[in-house]
């Protein structure tokens, strides 16, 4: 199948991490590869007038408790045993999201994405700290200093903001967001619908 599927992500979203872990199984079942598209969650929130669930529902204990229940259920269902809450969350992800774009330019995007998601949501590292960022990337066999320096590249900065603006204009208001063709889906709880839409669009091409 040649169905275009995009995964709009920010490392600051634990739900994006969970999707990252589940996506390979969907790719294997459908034969369709997901295109990972870095966006800046803070920028999406600002453009759309949205807020993080932690902020939006801070005064609603029952909603926060239910959200945690859903996390536990998702983790158990998909055997995400390595998932850990990050003690430094919520974090400013500007540098590591720019780093993702820099990694695209430097040809190491997939390895970078895996290393940063692991650091954020399995190892609980402070990924706002430049020294921690560089060390994390070095440990993953990447050139941490070169990647970090790449975050200051004007083209990298511009591309991340353009990704974010375009995502908003297509209807995005948070992360994880998926586009299957022109169809938008939001959140880890829509992964089944994402897969069904991939299959549907693929069948229409047959």
Foldseek 3Di string as FASTA:
>chain_A
DAWAKEWEAFLLDVQQLLCVLVVVVLCVVLVDDYHYDYAFFVLLCVVVVHDDCCVVCVPPVVVVVVVVVVVVVSCVVSVVVQFDAAPQPPARRLQLSLLLLLCVVVVNNVLSVVLSSCVVTRVNHRVVDLVVQLVSQVVSVHRSVSSSVSSPPPVSNVSRHVSHVVCVVLPDRGPGWMQGPSDIDHTSVCVVVVSVVSVVVVVVVD
